[in-house]
N, C-alpha and C. Protein backbone atom coordinates (compact mmCIF):
# COMPACT_ATOMS: atom_id res chain seq x y z
N UNK A 1 49.70 -25.60 -24.56
CA UNK A 1 50.87 -26.43 -24.63
C UNK A 1 50.69 -27.47 -25.74
N UNK A 2 51.78 -27.91 -26.24
CA UNK A 2 51.75 -28.90 -27.32
C UNK A 2 52.09 -30.31 -26.82
N UNK A 3 51.85 -30.56 -25.54
CA UNK A 3 52.12 -31.89 -25.00
C UNK A 3 51.26 -32.91 -25.74
N UNK A 4 51.84 -34.06 -26.01
CA UNK A 4 51.11 -35.14 -26.67
C UNK A 4 49.85 -35.47 -25.88
N UNK A 5 48.73 -35.53 -26.59
CA UNK A 5 47.47 -35.90 -25.96
C UNK A 5 46.74 -34.78 -25.24
N UNK A 6 47.34 -33.60 -25.15
CA UNK A 6 46.69 -32.48 -24.48
C UNK A 6 45.49 -32.00 -25.30
N UNK A 7 44.40 -31.64 -24.62
CA UNK A 7 43.23 -31.15 -25.35
C UNK A 7 43.47 -29.79 -25.96
N UNK A 8 44.52 -29.08 -25.51
CA UNK A 8 44.87 -27.78 -26.10
C UNK A 8 45.85 -27.93 -27.27
N UNK A 9 46.26 -29.15 -27.55
CA UNK A 9 47.18 -29.42 -28.65
C UNK A 9 46.34 -29.61 -29.92
N UNK A 10 45.87 -28.49 -30.47
CA UNK A 10 44.96 -28.53 -31.60
C UNK A 10 45.60 -29.13 -32.85
N UNK A 11 46.90 -29.06 -32.95
CA UNK A 11 47.60 -29.63 -34.10
C UNK A 11 47.75 -31.14 -33.96
N UNK A 12 47.46 -31.68 -32.79
CA UNK A 12 47.63 -33.10 -32.48
C UNK A 12 49.05 -33.57 -32.76
N UNK A 13 49.99 -32.67 -32.53
CA UNK A 13 51.41 -32.94 -32.73
C UNK A 13 51.91 -33.77 -31.56
N UNK A 14 52.82 -34.67 -31.82
CA UNK A 14 53.39 -35.51 -30.77
C UNK A 14 54.89 -35.60 -30.97
N UNK A 15 55.64 -35.31 -29.90
CA UNK A 15 57.10 -35.37 -29.95
C UNK A 15 57.58 -35.78 -28.57
N UNK A 16 58.18 -36.95 -28.47
CA UNK A 16 58.63 -37.48 -27.17
C UNK A 16 59.67 -36.58 -26.52
N UNK A 17 60.58 -35.99 -27.31
CA UNK A 17 61.59 -35.08 -26.75
C UNK A 17 60.93 -33.85 -26.14
N UNK A 18 59.92 -33.31 -26.82
CA UNK A 18 59.19 -32.15 -26.30
C UNK A 18 58.52 -32.50 -24.97
N UNK A 19 57.83 -33.63 -24.94
CA UNK A 19 57.13 -34.04 -23.72
C UNK A 19 58.10 -34.23 -22.55
N UNK A 20 59.24 -34.87 -22.81
CA UNK A 20 60.24 -35.11 -21.75
C UNK A 20 60.85 -33.79 -21.27
N UNK A 21 61.14 -32.88 -22.20
CA UNK A 21 61.70 -31.58 -21.82
C UNK A 21 60.69 -30.77 -21.02
N UNK A 22 59.45 -30.82 -21.42
CA UNK A 22 58.40 -30.11 -20.68
C UNK A 22 58.27 -30.67 -19.27
N UNK A 23 58.32 -31.99 -19.13
CA UNK A 23 58.27 -32.60 -17.79
C UNK A 23 59.42 -32.12 -16.92
N UNK A 24 60.64 -32.05 -17.50
CA UNK A 24 61.80 -31.57 -16.74
C UNK A 24 61.65 -30.10 -16.37
N UNK A 25 61.13 -29.29 -17.30
CA UNK A 25 60.92 -27.87 -17.04
C UNK A 25 59.99 -27.68 -15.85
N UNK A 26 58.93 -28.46 -15.80
CA UNK A 26 57.95 -28.31 -14.72
C UNK A 26 58.51 -28.72 -13.36
N UNK A 27 59.60 -29.47 -13.36
CA UNK A 27 60.24 -29.89 -12.11
C UNK A 27 61.35 -28.93 -11.67
N UNK A 28 61.88 -28.16 -12.62
CA UNK A 28 62.99 -27.24 -12.33
C UNK A 28 62.52 -26.03 -11.55
N UNK A 29 63.33 -25.60 -10.61
CA UNK A 29 62.99 -24.39 -9.86
C UNK A 29 63.97 -23.25 -10.15
N UNK A 30 65.11 -23.55 -10.73
CA UNK A 30 66.10 -22.51 -11.02
C UNK A 30 65.72 -21.77 -12.30
N UNK A 31 65.70 -20.46 -12.21
CA UNK A 31 65.25 -19.60 -13.31
C UNK A 31 66.04 -19.83 -14.59
N UNK A 32 67.36 -19.88 -14.51
CA UNK A 32 68.19 -20.03 -15.70
C UNK A 32 67.94 -21.38 -16.38
N UNK A 33 67.75 -22.41 -15.59
CA UNK A 33 67.49 -23.74 -16.14
C UNK A 33 66.13 -23.76 -16.83
N UNK A 34 65.13 -23.13 -16.20
CA UNK A 34 63.79 -23.08 -16.81
C UNK A 34 63.82 -22.33 -18.14
N UNK A 35 64.55 -21.22 -18.17
CA UNK A 35 64.65 -20.45 -19.42
C UNK A 35 65.31 -21.29 -20.51
N UNK A 36 66.36 -22.02 -20.16
CA UNK A 36 67.03 -22.88 -21.15
C UNK A 36 66.07 -23.95 -21.66
N UNK A 37 65.24 -24.49 -20.79
CA UNK A 37 64.28 -25.52 -21.21
C UNK A 37 63.21 -24.91 -22.12
N UNK A 38 62.73 -23.70 -21.81
CA UNK A 38 61.77 -23.02 -22.69
C UNK A 38 62.37 -22.84 -24.08
N UNK A 39 63.62 -22.44 -24.13
CA UNK A 39 64.29 -22.24 -25.42
C UNK A 39 64.42 -23.56 -26.17
N UNK A 40 64.70 -24.63 -25.45
CA UNK A 40 64.80 -25.95 -26.07
C UNK A 40 63.43 -26.37 -26.63
N UNK A 41 62.37 -26.11 -25.88
CA UNK A 41 61.02 -26.42 -26.37
C UNK A 41 60.72 -25.66 -27.66
N UNK A 42 61.08 -24.40 -27.68
CA UNK A 42 60.83 -23.59 -28.88
C UNK A 42 61.60 -24.12 -30.08
N UNK A 43 62.85 -24.55 -29.86
CA UNK A 43 63.63 -25.12 -30.97
C UNK A 43 62.97 -26.39 -31.51
N UNK A 44 62.45 -27.23 -30.62
CA UNK A 44 61.77 -28.45 -31.05
C UNK A 44 60.52 -28.13 -31.87
N UNK A 45 59.78 -27.11 -31.44
CA UNK A 45 58.58 -26.70 -32.19
C UNK A 45 58.98 -26.17 -33.56
N UNK A 46 60.00 -25.32 -33.60
CA UNK A 46 60.43 -24.74 -34.87
C UNK A 46 60.95 -25.80 -35.83
N UNK A 47 61.59 -26.84 -35.29
CA UNK A 47 62.15 -27.90 -36.13
C UNK A 47 61.04 -28.65 -36.87
N UNK A 48 59.97 -28.97 -36.18
CA UNK A 48 58.88 -29.73 -36.79
C UNK A 48 57.78 -28.85 -37.38
N UNK A 49 57.70 -27.61 -36.94
CA UNK A 49 56.70 -26.64 -37.36
C UNK A 49 55.28 -27.21 -37.33
N UNK A 50 54.81 -27.65 -36.15
CA UNK A 50 53.44 -28.17 -36.07
C UNK A 50 52.39 -27.06 -36.08
N UNK A 51 52.83 -25.83 -35.80
CA UNK A 51 51.91 -24.69 -35.80
C UNK A 51 52.61 -23.51 -36.46
N UNK A 52 51.82 -22.62 -37.01
CA UNK A 52 52.36 -21.37 -37.55
C UNK A 52 51.60 -20.23 -36.87
N UNK A 53 52.27 -19.51 -35.96
CA UNK A 53 51.58 -18.42 -35.27
C UNK A 53 51.17 -17.32 -36.25
N UNK A 54 49.92 -16.91 -36.18
CA UNK A 54 49.46 -15.83 -37.04
C UNK A 54 49.04 -14.61 -36.22
N UNK A 55 49.09 -14.73 -34.91
CA UNK A 55 48.69 -13.64 -34.05
C UNK A 55 49.59 -13.63 -32.82
N UNK A 56 50.12 -12.49 -32.48
CA UNK A 56 50.94 -12.35 -31.29
C UNK A 56 50.25 -11.38 -30.35
N UNK A 57 50.02 -11.81 -29.14
CA UNK A 57 49.34 -10.97 -28.16
C UNK A 57 50.34 -10.17 -27.35
N UNK A 58 49.97 -8.98 -26.99
CA UNK A 58 50.78 -8.16 -26.10
C UNK A 58 50.10 -8.14 -24.74
N UNK A 59 50.89 -8.26 -23.70
CA UNK A 59 50.35 -8.21 -22.34
C UNK A 59 51.00 -7.05 -21.60
N UNK A 60 50.22 -6.40 -20.79
CA UNK A 60 50.71 -5.26 -20.04
C UNK A 60 50.46 -5.51 -18.56
N UNK A 61 51.41 -5.13 -17.74
CA UNK A 61 51.31 -5.32 -16.31
C UNK A 61 51.58 -4.00 -15.60
N UNK A 62 50.83 -3.73 -14.57
CA UNK A 62 51.10 -2.58 -13.72
C UNK A 62 51.60 -3.13 -12.39
N UNK A 63 52.78 -2.69 -11.98
CA UNK A 63 53.40 -3.21 -10.77
C UNK A 63 53.75 -2.07 -9.83
N UNK A 64 53.53 -2.30 -8.55
CA UNK A 64 53.94 -1.33 -7.55
C UNK A 64 55.45 -1.32 -7.41
N UNK A 65 55.99 -0.25 -6.87
CA UNK A 65 57.44 -0.12 -6.72
C UNK A 65 58.04 -1.14 -5.76
N UNK A 66 57.22 -1.69 -4.87
CA UNK A 66 57.71 -2.65 -3.89
C UNK A 66 57.83 -4.06 -4.47
N UNK A 67 57.31 -4.29 -5.65
CA UNK A 67 57.33 -5.62 -6.25
C UNK A 67 58.55 -5.72 -7.16
N UNK A 68 59.31 -6.80 -6.99
CA UNK A 68 60.50 -6.99 -7.80
C UNK A 68 60.64 -8.44 -8.22
N UNK A 69 61.57 -8.68 -9.13
CA UNK A 69 61.87 -10.02 -9.66
C UNK A 69 60.68 -10.65 -10.39
N UNK A 70 59.94 -9.82 -11.11
CA UNK A 70 58.82 -10.33 -11.90
C UNK A 70 59.38 -10.76 -13.25
N UNK A 71 59.22 -12.03 -13.55
CA UNK A 71 59.69 -12.59 -14.81
C UNK A 71 58.50 -13.25 -15.49
N UNK A 72 58.32 -12.96 -16.77
CA UNK A 72 57.22 -13.58 -17.50
C UNK A 72 57.76 -14.47 -18.60
N UNK A 73 57.00 -15.46 -18.96
CA UNK A 73 57.35 -16.32 -20.09
C UNK A 73 56.88 -15.64 -21.37
N UNK A 74 57.14 -16.28 -22.49
CA UNK A 74 56.69 -15.75 -23.77
C UNK A 74 55.17 -15.72 -23.85
N UNK A 75 54.52 -16.52 -23.02
CA UNK A 75 53.06 -16.56 -23.00
C UNK A 75 52.50 -15.60 -21.94
N UNK A 76 53.35 -14.72 -21.41
CA UNK A 76 52.97 -13.73 -20.41
C UNK A 76 52.51 -14.36 -19.09
N UNK A 77 53.07 -15.52 -18.78
CA UNK A 77 52.77 -16.17 -17.51
C UNK A 77 53.82 -15.72 -16.49
N UNK A 78 53.37 -15.22 -15.36
CA UNK A 78 54.29 -14.74 -14.33
C UNK A 78 54.77 -15.91 -13.49
N UNK A 79 56.08 -16.00 -13.31
CA UNK A 79 56.67 -17.02 -12.45
C UNK A 79 56.54 -16.52 -11.01
N UNK A 80 55.43 -16.83 -10.38
CA UNK A 80 55.10 -16.27 -9.07
C UNK A 80 56.10 -16.65 -7.99
N UNK A 81 56.77 -17.77 -8.14
CA UNK A 81 57.73 -18.21 -7.11
C UNK A 81 58.91 -17.24 -7.00
N UNK A 82 59.18 -16.49 -8.06
CA UNK A 82 60.32 -15.56 -8.05
C UNK A 82 59.97 -14.15 -7.57
N UNK A 83 58.70 -13.83 -7.49
CA UNK A 83 58.27 -12.48 -7.14
C UNK A 83 58.58 -12.19 -5.67
N UNK A 84 59.12 -11.00 -5.43
CA UNK A 84 59.46 -10.59 -4.07
C UNK A 84 58.89 -9.20 -3.79
N UNK A 85 58.60 -8.94 -2.53
CA UNK A 85 58.15 -7.62 -2.08
C UNK A 85 59.24 -7.01 -1.22
N UNK A 86 59.51 -5.73 -1.43
CA UNK A 86 60.51 -5.03 -0.61
C UNK A 86 59.88 -4.55 0.66
């Protein structure tokens, strides 16, 4: 994450709008709202261009037929709260 002061923020980028949007995203439980916040975060990153991605990872998942509503972020993080079993 590119949160101000985060040890994983290797670019040492700081943006108050990004931090506030990220805080709101972490509080949201509705899928559509979370997706909109992720998109807003990406626009803020692209506007300032604190990083230039040079490598894109592919992630693969094997799921049983009884598992549904699996949604992943761009970072291949599964939103476990949405996963359901039939």
